Amino acid sequence: MTGLLKKLSFRTGQSRKITYYRPPIYDKDDYGVESNSVVSNEINVPNVNAYIRNIVDKDYVVERGGHTITGKARIYLPNLTTLKNYPNLNQDTNNLFNDITGFDTLIDYDRTVYAVPVSSNTGWAAGTMDASFSGEGYGGTTLTATFGAIPVSGTFTYTNAGINILESDRLTFQLKASGTLYFKGVNVYASGTTAAWKYGINASSTSSNVLIPTGSWLTVDIPYTSGTSLSSIYKDGIRYGFSVTQGASWKNGIFALNNLEFDVSGASTELYLKNLKFYKSSEWSVHRVNDYNDEYMVFDCVRTTGVRDKIRRAYGTKYNTP
């Protein structure tokens, strides 16, 4: 099934990679009421092969009753044994994953809102790191950041003020290093340069700093939306907890990108960065198992996706404001 999905990806847009997301599970008191104590962390795993057969992509008649866009799809995934051979879903390292069950979320790619250029050093600059940049690595599709010996920890930035990122709700990119280098976080500054305009995704502790691999690519796929406080990066089945902070002026209103700030730790090494983009996602909620066999699994899913962009743009920073 996995081989078939790969072949279909070259022939149809219906076969692609999605992100599997299961929200955290909270503890309950003696009365069955959920508390704020997490007993099982969220699972956020990108690069899962899937075949998506849309039945209804967006139903605006249903939407008229509120502001939720709904749709229906049948989503095919490799069998459970194959899924558990994925490094991030292997139960030898990730004992949080058992099975895909009702109301788990399959996050699909809707469209690119802004792809950050990595083919040259235009817009890239050293922040607090001693860094130089080139777009020559891997055929011009990858940015190479070369770090000096001092300092061993700091930031580097990409700036392109005024680029629209309103419609995006997720940020994704891939990382690889030539030596010992840790990823500590990324900050998005929208419509301003101060901390009030910052949307930060940063390691919640030193132990959550992610050692960037030197052989394979590490895929980071994280939310870029209001109401988020926690996120996760999985590497080889191990979860690294990241805290999400939003400045007082950062809202789901009219805003454009000002700059991106990456936080890393390492010296005298190179970082390779590709497929960096803000995108709009389609979130499919699993409602029914349609078929389950030795070859594949079929899930009937419903799409329930956020707010209407035209209303967000019209109302600006007053949208969803009490």
C-alpha atoms as a PDB file:
ATOM      1  CA  MET A   1       0.000   0.000   0.000  1.00  0.00           C
ATOM      2  CA  THR A   2       2.803   2.432   0.830  1.00  0.00           C
ATOM      3  CA  GLY A   3       4.438   1.760  -2.567  1.00  0.00           C
ATOM      4  CA  LEU A   4       1.113   2.332  -4.331  1.00  0.00           C
ATOM      5  CA  LEU A   5       0.634   5.660  -2.531  1.00  0.00           C
ATOM      6  CA  LYS A   6       4.090   6.788  -3.643  1.00  0.00           C
ATOM      7  CA  LYS A   7       3.341   5.896  -7.276  1.00  0.00           C
ATOM      8  CA  LEU A   8      -0.016   7.664  -7.150  1.00  0.00           C
ATOM      9  CA  SER A   9       1.654  10.804  -5.799  1.00  0.00           C
ATOM     10  CA  PHE A  10       3.355  11.250  -9.186  1.00  0.00           C
ATOM     11  CA  ARG A  11       0.066  10.865 -11.083  1.00  0.00           C
ATOM     12  CA  THR A  12      -2.598  12.490  -8.958  1.00  0.00           C
ATOM     13  CA  GLY A  13      -2.817  15.162  -6.285  1.00  0.00           C
ATOM     14  CA  GLN A  14      -5.003  12.895  -4.174  1.00  0.00           C
ATOM     15  CA  SER A  15      -2.022  10.924  -2.868  1.00  0.00           C
ATOM     16  CA  ARG A  16       0.110  13.025  -0.546  1.00  0.00           C
ATOM     17  CA  LYS A  17       1.665  13.298   2.882  1.00  0.00           C
ATOM     18  CA  ILE A  18      -0.456  14.414   5.808  1.00  0.00           C
ATOM     19  CA  THR A  19       0.096  15.149   9.500  1.00  0.00           C
ATOM     20  CA  TYR A  20      -1.470  12.814  12.040  1.00  0.00           C
ATOM     21  CA  TYR A  21      -2.614  14.688  15.147  1.00  0.00           C
ATOM     22  CA  ARG A  22      -4.126  13.358  18.349  1.00  0.00           C
ATOM     23  CA  PRO A  23      -4.876  15.967  21.033  1.00  0.00           C
ATOM     24  CA  PRO A  24      -3.629  15.501  24.595  1.00  0.00           C
ATOM     25  CA  ILE A  25      -5.681  13.369  26.978  1.00  0.00           C
ATOM     26  CA  TYR A  26      -6.488  14.962  30.332  1.00  0.00           C
ATOM     27  CA  ASP A  27      -6.948  13.359  33.724  1.00  0.00           C
ATOM     28  CA  LYS A  28     -10.413  13.126  35.287  1.00  0.00           C
ATOM     29  CA  ASP A  29     -11.583  13.519  38.846  1.00  0.00           C
ATOM     30  CA  ASP A  30     -13.851  11.100  40.710  1.00  0.00           C
ATOM     31  CA  TYR A  31     -16.882  12.663  39.017  1.00  0.00           C
ATOM     32  CA  GLY A  32     -15.523  12.197  35.501  1.00  0.00           C
ATOM     33  CA  VAL A  33     -14.738  15.889  34.993  1.00  0.00           C
ATOM     34  CA  GLU A  34     -11.524  16.611  33.091  1.00  0.00           C
ATOM     35  CA  SER A  35      -8.775  18.482  34.904  1.00  0.00           C
ATOM     36  CA  ASN A  36      -5.860  20.512  33.557  1.00  0.00           C
ATOM     37  CA  SER A  37      -3.461  17.632  34.188  1.00  0.00           C
ATOM     38  CA  VAL A  38      -2.263  15.914  31.002  1.00  0.00           C
ATOM     39  CA  VAL A  39      -1.972  12.121  31.341  1.00  0.00           C
ATOM     40  CA  SER A  40      -1.048  11.492  27.692  1.00  0.00           C
ATOM     41  CA  ASN A  41       0.667  14.133  25.547  1.00  0.00           C
ATOM     42  CA  GLU A  42      -0.467  15.098  22.081  1.00  0.00           C
ATOM     43  CA  ILE A  43       0.848  13.271  19.026  1.00  0.00           C
ATOM     44  CA  ASN A  44       1.881  15.504  16.111  1.00  0.00           C
ATOM     45  CA  VAL A  45       3.514  13.430  13.349  1.00  0.00           C
ATOM     46  CA  PRO A  46       3.991  14.759   9.783  1.00  0.00           C
ATOM     47  CA  ASN A  47       4.922  12.858   6.598  1.00  0.00           C
ATOM     48  CA  VAL A  48       2.271  10.130   6.814  1.00  0.00           C
ATOM     49  CA  ASN A  49       1.365   8.712   3.384  1.00  0.00           C
ATOM     50  CA  ALA A  50      -2.349   8.933   2.550  1.00  0.00           C
ATOM     51  CA  TYR A  51      -4.784   8.815  -0.344  1.00  0.00           C
ATOM     52  CA  ILE A  52      -7.627  11.304  -0.005  1.00  0.00           C
ATOM     53  CA  ARG A  53     -10.821  10.844  -1.967  1.00  0.00           C
ATOM     54  CA  ASN A  54     -12.901  13.984  -1.508  1.00  0.00           C
ATOM     55  CA  ILE A  55     -16.674  13.576  -1.463  1.00  0.00           C
ATOM     56  CA  VAL A  56     -17.520  17.158  -0.498  1.00  0.00           C
ATOM     57  CA  ASP A  57     -14.577  19.509  -0.017  1.00  0.00           C
ATOM     58  CA  LYS A  58     -16.465  22.547   1.288  1.00  0.00           C
ATOM     59  CA  ASP A  59     -20.164  22.880   1.994  1.00  0.00           C
ATOM     60  CA  TYR A  60     -21.059  26.568   2.104  1.00  0.00           C
ATOM     61  CA  VAL A  61     -24.773  25.872   2.552  1.00  0.00           C
ATOM     62  CA  VAL A  62     -24.015  24.308   5.918  1.00  0.00           C
ATOM     63  CA  GLU A  63     -21.543  27.090   6.602  1.00  0.00           C
ATOM     64  CA  ARG A  64     -24.263  29.702   6.245  1.00  0.00           C
ATOM     65  CA  GLY A  65     -25.582  28.720   9.647  1.00  0.00           C
ATOM     66  CA  GLY A  66     -22.295  29.725  11.289  1.00  0.00           C
ATOM     67  CA  HIS A  67     -18.720  30.231  10.162  1.00  0.00           C
ATOM     68  CA  THR A  68     -17.456  26.670   9.927  1.00  0.00           C
ATOM     69  CA  ILE A  69     -16.576  25.172   6.539  1.00  0.00           C
ATOM     70  CA  THR A  70     -17.480  21.495   6.402  1.00  0.00           C
ATOM     71  CA  GLY A  71     -16.808  18.670   3.969  1.00  0.00           C
ATOM     72  CA  LYS A  72     -16.551  14.896   3.654  1.00  0.00           C
ATOM     73  CA  ALA A  73     -13.744  12.628   2.474  1.00  0.00           C
ATOM     74  CA  ARG A  74     -12.671   9.011   2.472  1.00  0.00           C
ATOM     75  CA  ILE A  75      -9.031   8.723   3.500  1.00  0.00           C
ATOM     76  CA  TYR A  76      -6.897   5.648   2.841  1.00  0.00           C
ATOM     77  CA  LEU A  77      -3.872   4.950   5.044  1.00  0.00           C
ATOM     78  CA  PRO A  78      -1.371   2.071   5.116  1.00  0.00           C
ATOM     79  CA  ASN A  79      -2.253  -0.782   7.457  1.00  0.00           C
ATOM     80  CA  LEU A  80      -1.579  -0.399  11.143  1.00  0.00           C
ATOM     81  CA  THR A  81       1.543  -2.570  11.072  1.00  0.00           C
ATOM     82  CA  THR A  82       3.076  -0.345   8.392  1.00  0.00           C
ATOM     83  CA  LEU A  83       2.142   2.800  10.320  1.00  0.00           C
ATOM     84  CA  LYS A  84       3.824   1.426  13.435  1.00  0.00           C
ATOM     85  CA  ASN A  85       7.017   0.997  11.411  1.00  0.00           C
ATOM     86  CA  TYR A  86       7.162   4.764  10.915  1.00  0.00           C
ATOM     87  CA  PRO A  87       9.941   5.975  13.256  1.00  0.00           C
ATOM     88  CA  ASN A  88       7.617   8.458  14.972  1.00  0.00           C
ATOM     89  CA  LEU A  89       4.782   5.957  15.469  1.00  0.00           C
ATOM     90  CA  ASN A  90       6.876   2.955  16.430  1.00  0.00           C
ATOM     91  CA  GLN A  91       5.693   1.728  19.817  1.00  0.00           C
ATOM     92  CA  ASP A  92       9.225   0.779  20.824  1.00  0.00           C
ATOM     93  CA  THR A  93       9.935   4.505  21.096  1.00  0.00           C
ATOM     94  CA  ASN A  94       6.481   6.114  21.081  1.00  0.00           C
ATOM     95  CA  ASN A  95       4.217   4.234  23.481  1.00  0.00           C
ATOM     96  CA  LEU A  96       1.558   6.945  23.210  1.00  0.00           C
ATOM     97  CA  PHE A  97       0.364   5.642  19.834  1.00  0.00           C
ATOM     98  CA  ASN A  98      -1.902   2.592  19.731  1.00  0.00           C
ATOM     99  CA  ASP A  99      -4.290   3.073  16.853  1.00  0.00           C
ATOM    100  CA  ILE A 100      -6.148   5.699  14.836  1.00  0.00           C
ATOM    101  CA  THR A 101      -9.528   6.095  16.508  1.00  0.00           C
ATOM    102  CA  GLY A 102     -12.595   8.319  16.374  1.00  0.00           C
ATOM    103  CA  PHE A 103     -12.049  12.087  16.329  1.00  0.00           C
ATOM    104  CA  ASP A 104      -8.306  11.869  15.760  1.00  0.00           C
ATOM    105  CA  THR A 105      -7.286  14.543  13.250  1.00  0.00           C
ATOM    106  CA  LEU A 106      -5.678  14.045   9.849  1.00  0.00           C
ATOM    107  CA  ILE A 107      -4.216  17.376   8.754  1.00  0.00           C
ATOM    108  CA  ASP A 108      -4.048  17.798   4.992  1.00  0.00           C
ATOM    109  CA  TYR A 109      -2.389  20.492   2.903  1.00  0.00           C
ATOM    110  CA  ASP A 110      -4.837  22.972   1.330  1.00  0.00           C
ATOM    111  CA  ARG A 111      -2.578  25.571  -0.282  1.00  0.00           C
ATOM    112  CA  THR A 112       0.652  27.492   0.173  1.00  0.00           C
ATOM    113  CA  VAL A 113       0.119  30.999   1.505  1.00  0.00           C
ATOM    114  CA  TYR A 114       3.782  32.026   1.416  1.00  0.00           C
ATOM    115  CA  ALA A 115       6.852  29.977   0.551  1.00  0.00           C
ATOM    116  CA  VAL A 116       9.947  31.566   2.083  1.00  0.00           C
ATOM    117  CA  PRO A 117      12.726  31.709  -0.552  1.00  0.00           C
ATOM    118  CA  VAL A 118      15.724  29.507   0.238  1.00  0.00           C
ATOM    119  CA  SER A 119      17.391  29.620  -3.185  1.00  0.00           C
ATOM    120  CA  SER A 120      19.593  32.598  -2.265  1.00  0.00           C
ATOM    121  CA  ASN A 121      20.767  34.563   0.774  1.00  0.00           C
ATOM    122  CA  THR A 122      18.391  37.471   0.020  1.00  0.00           C
ATOM    123  CA  GLY A 123      16.556  38.468   3.194  1.00  0.00           C
ATOM    124  CA  TRP A 124      18.628  36.198   5.444  1.00  0.00           C
ATOM    125  CA  ALA A 125      20.846  37.693   8.117  1.00  0.00           C
ATOM    126  CA  ALA A 126      22.760  36.722  11.232  1.00  0.00           C
ATOM    127  CA  GLY A 127      20.964  37.750  14.394  1.00  0.00           C
ATOM    128  CA  THR A 128      23.008  36.987  17.460  1.00  0.00           C
ATOM    129  CA  MET A 129      24.824  34.131  15.689  1.00  0.00           C
ATOM    130  CA  ASP A 130      27.980  34.411  13.584  1.00  0.00           C
ATOM    131  CA  ALA A 131      26.387  33.144  10.364  1.00  0.00           C
ATOM    132  CA  SER A 132      26.646  33.361   6.583  1.00  0.00           C
ATOM    133  CA  PHE A 133      24.096  32.110   4.061  1.00  0.00           C
ATOM    134  CA  SER A 134      23.958  30.649   0.565  1.00  0.00           C
ATOM    135  CA  GLY A 135      21.305  28.995  -1.567  1.00  0.00           C
ATOM    136  CA  GLU A 136      23.650  26.661  -3.365  1.00  0.00           C
ATOM    137  CA  GLY A 137      23.120  23.484  -1.385  1.00  0.00           C
ATOM    138  CA  TYR A 138      21.136  20.604  -2.848  1.00  0.00           C
ATOM    139  CA  GLY A 139      20.507  22.165  -6.251  1.00  0.00           C
ATOM    140  CA  GLY A 140      19.400  25.581  -5.045  1.00  0.00           C
ATOM    141  CA  THR A 141      16.331  24.269  -3.213  1.00  0.00           C
ATOM    142  CA  THR A 142      18.012  24.436   0.197  1.00  0.00           C
ATOM    143  CA  LEU A 143      19.427  27.296   2.229  1.00  0.00           C
ATOM    144  CA  THR A 144      22.809  26.611   3.809  1.00  0.00           C
ATOM    145  CA  ALA A 145      23.597  28.531   6.995  1.00  0.00           C
ATOM    146  CA  THR A 146      27.238  28.327   8.071  1.00  0.00           C
ATOM    147  CA  PHE A 147      27.922  29.108  11.728  1.00  0.00           C
ATOM    148  CA  GLY A 148      31.201  30.252  13.266  1.00  0.00           C
ATOM    149  CA  ALA A 149      32.819  29.119  16.492  1.00  0.00           C
ATOM    150  CA  ILE A 150      31.425  31.937  18.676  1.00  0.00           C
ATOM    151  CA  PRO A 151      28.739  32.310  19.941  1.00  0.00           C
ATOM    152  CA  VAL A 152      27.570  28.747  20.376  1.00  0.00           C
ATOM    153  CA  SER A 153      23.906  29.697  20.791  1.00  0.00           C
ATOM    154  CA  GLY A 154      21.789  32.405  19.212  1.00  0.00           C
ATOM    155  CA  THR A 155      19.427  33.446  16.424  1.00  0.00           C
ATOM    156  CA  PHE A 156      19.359  34.120  12.703  1.00  0.00           C
ATOM    157  CA  THR A 157      16.548  35.802  10.760  1.00  0.00           C
ATOM    158  CA  TYR A 158      14.657  36.121   7.509  1.00  0.00           C
ATOM    159  CA  THR A 159      12.999  39.489   6.789  1.00  0.00           C
ATOM    160  CA  ASN A 160      10.435  40.367   4.119  1.00  0.00           C
ATOM    161  CA  ALA A 161       8.120  42.954   5.609  1.00  0.00           C
ATOM    162  CA  GLY A 162       4.600  43.192   4.213  1.00  0.00           C
ATOM    163  CA  ILE A 163       4.150  39.676   2.798  1.00  0.00           C
ATOM    164  CA  ASN A 164       0.610  38.410   3.365  1.00  0.00           C
ATOM    165  CA  ILE A 165       0.298  35.436   5.739  1.00  0.00           C
ATOM    166  CA  LEU A 166      -3.307  36.032   6.866  1.00  0.00           C
ATOM    167  CA  GLU A 167      -4.768  32.820   5.452  1.00  0.00           C
ATOM    168  CA  SER A 168      -2.079  30.532   6.903  1.00  0.00           C
ATOM    169  CA  ASP A 169      -2.677  28.405   9.984  1.00  0.00           C
ATOM    170  CA  ARG A 170       0.448  26.203   9.982  1.00  0.00           C
ATOM    171  CA  LEU A 171       4.192  26.589   9.476  1.00  0.00           C
ATOM    172  CA  THR A 172       6.382  23.800   8.125  1.00  0.00           C
ATOM    173  CA  PHE A 173      10.038  23.293   7.200  1.00  0.00           C
ATOM    174  CA  GLN A 174      12.758  20.637   7.064  1.00  0.00           C
ATOM    175  CA  LEU A 175      16.141  20.711   8.788  1.00  0.00           C
ATOM    176  CA  LYS A 176      19.425  18.842   8.536  1.00  0.00           C
ATOM    177  CA  ALA A 177      22.896  19.626   9.939  1.00  0.00           C
ATOM    178  CA  SER A 178      26.492  18.764   9.126  1.00  0.00           C
ATOM    179  CA  GLY A 179      27.454  18.391  12.807  1.00  0.00           C
ATOM    180  CA  THR A 180      26.134  18.856  16.333  1.00  0.00           C
ATOM    181  CA  LEU A 181      23.364  21.464  16.182  1.00  0.00           C
ATOM    182  CA  TYR A 182      20.189  21.891  18.233  1.00  0.00           C
ATOM    183  CA  PHE A 183      16.896  23.457  17.167  1.00  0.00           C
ATOM    184  CA  LYS A 184      15.465  25.548  20.013  1.00  0.00           C
ATOM    185  CA  GLY A 185      12.572  27.376  18.406  1.00  0.00           C
ATOM    186  CA  VAL A 186      11.200  29.755  15.789  1.00  0.00           C
ATOM    187  CA  ASN A 187       9.491  33.116  16.265  1.00  0.00           C
ATOM    188  CA  VAL A 188       7.175  34.789  13.748  1.00  0.00           C
ATOM    189  CA  TYR A 189       6.903  38.567  13.911  1.00  0.00           C
ATOM    190  CA  ALA A 190       3.731  39.701  12.132  1.00  0.00           C
ATOM    191  CA  SER A 191       2.935  43.352  11.332  1.00  0.00           C
ATOM    192  CA  GLY A 192       5.539  44.587  13.790  1.00  0.00           C
ATOM    193  CA  THR A 193       9.009  44.144  15.218  1.00  0.00           C
ATOM    194  CA  THR A 194       8.256  44.180  18.945  1.00  0.00           C
ATOM    195  CA  ALA A 195       7.482  41.265  21.254  1.00  0.00           C
ATOM    196  CA  ALA A 196       3.812  42.271  21.184  1.00  0.00           C
ATOM    197  CA  TRP A 197       3.642  41.088  17.561  1.00  0.00           C
ATOM    198  CA  LYS A 198       5.513  37.827  18.185  1.00  0.00           C
ATOM    199  CA  TYR A 199       4.126  34.341  17.745  1.00  0.00           C
ATOM    200  CA  GLY A 200       6.726  32.121  19.398  1.00  0.00           C
ATOM    201  CA  ILE A 201       7.201  28.346  19.195  1.00  0.00           C
ATOM    202  CA  ASN A 202      10.065  27.514  21.554  1.00  0.00           C
ATOM    203  CA  ALA A 203      11.373  24.501  23.458  1.00  0.00           C
ATOM    204  CA  SER A 204       9.689  24.371  26.850  1.00  0.00           C
ATOM    205  CA  SER A 205      12.962  23.346  28.532  1.00  0.00           C
ATOM    206  CA  THR A 206      16.598  22.659  27.696  1.00  0.00           C
ATOM    207  CA  SER A 207      15.833  18.951  27.432  1.00  0.00           C
ATOM    208  CA  SER A 208      13.305  19.764  24.700  1.00  0.00           C
ATOM    209  CA  ASN A 209      15.971  21.221  22.396  1.00  0.00           C
ATOM    210  CA  VAL A 210      15.958  18.957  19.323  1.00  0.00           C
ATOM    211  CA  LEU A 211      19.262  17.552  18.065  1.00  0.00           C
ATOM    212  CA  ILE A 212      19.051  18.086  14.301  1.00  0.00           C
ATOM    213  CA  PRO A 213      19.909  14.889  12.371  1.00  0.00           C
ATOM    214  CA  THR A 214      22.871  14.754  10.004  1.00  0.00           C
ATOM    215  CA  GLY A 215      21.582  11.963   7.770  1.00  0.00           C
ATOM    216  CA  SER A 216      17.814  12.264   7.315  1.00  0.00           C
ATOM    217  CA  TRP A 217      15.672  15.405   7.257  1.00  0.00           C
ATOM    218  CA  LEU A 218      13.745  16.498  10.354  1.00  0.00           C
ATOM    219  CA  THR A 219      10.260  17.707   9.345  1.00  0.00           C
ATOM    220  CA  VAL A 220       8.719  20.363  11.581  1.00  0.00           C
ATOM    221  CA  ASP A 221       4.983  21.014  11.124  1.00  0.00           C
ATOM    222  CA  ILE A 222       3.481  23.239  13.788  1.00  0.00           C
ATOM    223  CA  PRO A 223       0.321  25.333  14.217  1.00  0.00           C
ATOM    224  CA  TYR A 224       0.268  29.048  13.467  1.00  0.00           C
ATOM    225  CA  THR A 225      -3.085  30.030  14.876  1.00  0.00           C
ATOM    226  CA  SER A 226      -4.641  31.728  17.893  1.00  0.00           C
ATOM    227  CA  GLY A 227      -5.693  29.733  20.927  1.00  0.00           C
ATOM    228  CA  THR A 228      -2.632  27.475  20.808  1.00  0.00           C
ATOM    229  CA  SER A 229      -0.427  27.147  23.885  1.00  0.00           C
ATOM    230  CA  LEU A 230       1.502  23.918  23.327  1.00  0.00           C
ATOM    231  CA  SER A 231       2.945  22.016  20.392  1.00  0.00           C
ATOM    232  CA  SER A 232       5.238  19.071  19.751  1.00  0.00           C
ATOM    233  CA  ILE A 233       8.077  17.958  17.547  1.00  0.00           C
ATOM    234  CA  TYR A 234       8.610  14.222  17.196  1.00  0.00           C
ATOM    235  CA  LYS A 235      11.960  12.721  16.245  1.00  0.00           C
ATOM    236  CA  ASP A 236      12.468   8.946  16.142  1.00  0.00           C
ATOM    237  CA  GLY A 237       9.335   8.497  18.246  1.00  0.00           C
ATOM    238  CA  ILE A 238      10.475  10.826  21.040  1.00  0.00           C
ATOM    239  CA  ARG A 239       8.345  13.868  21.819  1.00  0.00           C
ATOM    240  CA  TYR A 240       9.946  17.273  22.383  1.00  0.00           C
ATOM    241  CA  GLY A 241       7.564  19.699  24.050  1.00  0.00           C
ATOM    242  CA  PHE A 242       7.321  23.255  22.697  1.00  0.00           C
ATOM    243  CA  SER A 243       5.521  26.210  24.250  1.00  0.00           C
ATOM    244  CA  VAL A 244       3.510  28.575  22.061  1.00  0.00           C
ATOM    245  CA  THR A 245       3.300  32.241  23.082  1.00  0.00           C
ATOM    246  CA  GLN A 246       1.350  35.029  21.423  1.00  0.00           C
ATOM    247  CA  GLY A 247       2.039  38.716  21.927  1.00  0.00           C
ATOM    248  CA  ALA A 248      -0.689  41.094  23.012  1.00  0.00           C
ATOM    249  CA  SER A 249      -0.998  42.613  19.521  1.00  0.00           C
ATOM    250  CA  TRP A 250      -0.875  39.306  17.645  1.00  0.00           C
ATOM    251  CA  LYS A 251      -4.397  38.428  16.543  1.00  0.00           C
ATOM    252  CA  ASN A 252      -6.208  36.637  13.732  1.00  0.00           C
ATOM    253  CA  GLY A 253      -6.841  39.910  12.000  1.00  0.00           C
ATOM    254  CA  ILE A 254      -5.066  41.761   9.210  1.00  0.00           C
ATOM    255  CA  PHE A 255      -1.394  41.153   9.514  1.00  0.00           C
ATOM    256  CA  ALA A 256       1.565  40.496   7.264  1.00  0.00           C
ATOM    257  CA  LEU A 257       4.920  38.898   7.865  1.00  0.00           C
ATOM    258  CA  ASN A 258       7.683  41.103   9.177  1.00  0.00           C
ATOM    259  CA  ASN A 259      10.411  38.570   9.946  1.00  0.00           C
ATOM    260  CA  LEU A 260      11.177  35.007  11.019  1.00  0.00           C
ATOM    261  CA  GLU A 261      13.680  34.325  13.791  1.00  0.00           C
ATOM    262  CA  PHE A 262      15.257  30.884  14.237  1.00  0.00           C
ATOM    263  CA  ASP A 263      16.885  29.943  17.536  1.00  0.00           C
ATOM    264  CA  VAL A 264      19.658  27.322  17.416  1.00  0.00           C
ATOM    265  CA  SER A 265      22.575  26.075  19.483  1.00  0.00           C
ATOM    266  CA  GLY A 266      25.826  24.845  17.925  1.00  0.00           C
ATOM    267  CA  ALA A 267      29.107  26.108  16.536  1.00  0.00           C
ATOM    268  CA  SER A 268      31.401  25.532  13.565  1.00  0.00           C
ATOM    269  CA  THR A 269      28.748  23.642  11.640  1.00  0.00           C
ATOM    270  CA  GLU A 270      26.218  24.028   8.830  1.00  0.00           C
ATOM    271  CA  LEU A 271      22.425  23.992   8.876  1.00  0.00           C
ATOM    272  CA  TYR A 272      20.415  23.018   5.798  1.00  0.00           C
ATOM    273  CA  LEU A 273      16.872  24.382   5.541  1.00  0.00           C
ATOM    274  CA  LYS A 274      14.247  23.604   2.879  1.00  0.00           C
ATOM    275  CA  ASN A 275      10.484  23.523   2.191  1.00  0.00           C
ATOM    276  CA  LEU A 276       9.903  26.497   4.486  1.00  0.00           C
ATOM    277  CA  LYS A 277       6.365  27.771   4.057  1.00  0.00           C
ATOM    278  CA  PHE A 278       3.247  29.111   5.693  1.00  0.00           C
ATOM    279  CA  TYR A 279       0.255  27.115   4.526  1.00  0.00           C
ATOM    280  CA  LYS A 280      -3.479  26.752   4.982  1.00  0.00           C
ATOM    281  CA  SER A 281      -4.498  23.321   6.187  1.00  0.00           C
ATOM    282  CA  SER A 282      -7.567  21.118   5.891  1.00  0.00           C
ATOM    283  CA  GLU A 283      -8.353  19.295   9.105  1.00  0.00           C
ATOM    284  CA  TRP A 284     -10.196  15.997   8.705  1.00  0.00           C
ATOM    285  CA  SER A 285     -11.771  14.431  11.791  1.00  0.00           C
ATOM    286  CA  VAL A 286     -12.086  10.636  11.812  1.00  0.00           C
ATOM    287  CA  HIS A 287     -15.767   9.719  12.256  1.00  0.00           C
ATOM    288  CA  ARG A 288     -15.990   6.157  10.951  1.00  0.00           C
ATOM    289  CA  VAL A 289     -13.772   3.196  10.082  1.00  0.00           C
ATOM    290  CA  ASN A 290     -14.979   2.087   6.656  1.00  0.00           C
ATOM    291  CA  ASP A 291     -12.529  -0.754   6.027  1.00  0.00           C
ATOM    292  CA  TYR A 292      -9.714  -2.348   7.984  1.00  0.00           C
ATOM    293  CA  ASN A 293      -7.585  -5.111   6.474  1.00  0.00           C
ATOM    294  CA  ASP A 294      -4.035  -6.369   5.989  1.00  0.00           C
ATOM    295  CA  GLU A 295      -3.350  -3.914   3.148  1.00  0.00           C
ATOM    296  CA  TYR A 296      -4.872  -0.597   4.181  1.00  0.00           C
ATOM    297  CA  MET A 297      -7.293   1.265   6.417  1.00  0.00           C
ATOM    298  CA  VAL A 298     -10.177   3.417   5.171  1.00  0.00           C
ATOM    299  CA  PHE A 299     -11.637   6.199   7.282  1.00  0.00           C
ATOM    300  CA  ASP A 300     -14.739   8.297   6.644  1.00  0.00           C
ATOM    301  CA  CYS A 301     -13.785  11.801   7.746  1.00  0.00           C
ATOM    302  CA  VAL A 302     -15.469  15.158   8.196  1.00  0.00           C
ATOM    303  CA  ARG A 303     -13.724  18.461   7.616  1.00  0.00           C
ATOM    304  CA  THR A 304     -14.275  21.190  10.189  1.00  0.00           C
ATOM    305  CA  THR A 305     -12.037  24.142   9.544  1.00  0.00           C
ATOM    306  CA  GLY A 306     -11.954  27.432  11.360  1.00  0.00           C
ATOM    307  CA  VAL A 307     -12.888  30.858  10.200  1.00  0.00           C
ATOM    308  CA  ARG A 308     -13.615  32.537   6.885  1.00  0.00           C
ATOM    309  CA  ASP A 309     -10.673  34.523   5.574  1.00  0.00           C
ATOM    310  CA  LYS A 310     -12.794  37.218   3.934  1.00  0.00           C
ATOM    311  CA  ILE A 311     -14.439  38.003   7.303  1.00  0.00           C
ATOM    312  CA  ARG A 312     -11.089  38.011   9.079  1.00  0.00           C
ATOM    313  CA  ARG A 313      -9.717  40.483   6.552  1.00  0.00           C
ATOM    314  CA  ALA A 314     -12.817  42.672   6.626  1.00  0.00           C
ATOM    315  CA  TYR A 315     -12.957  42.948  10.416  1.00  0.00           C
ATOM    316  CA  GLY A 316      -9.214  43.117  10.934  1.00  0.00           C
ATOM    317  CA  THR A 317      -7.967  43.049  14.498  1.00  0.00           C
ATOM    318  CA  LYS A 318     -11.563  43.372  15.778  1.00  0.00           C
ATOM    319  CA  TYR A 319     -12.399  39.876  14.530  1.00  0.00           C
ATOM    320  CA  ASN A 320     -13.291  37.541  17.442  1.00  0.00           C
ATOM    321  CA  THR A 321     -12.585  40.370  19.887  1.00  0.00           C
ATOM    322  CA  PRO A 322     -15.082  40.549  22.780  1.00  0.00           C
END
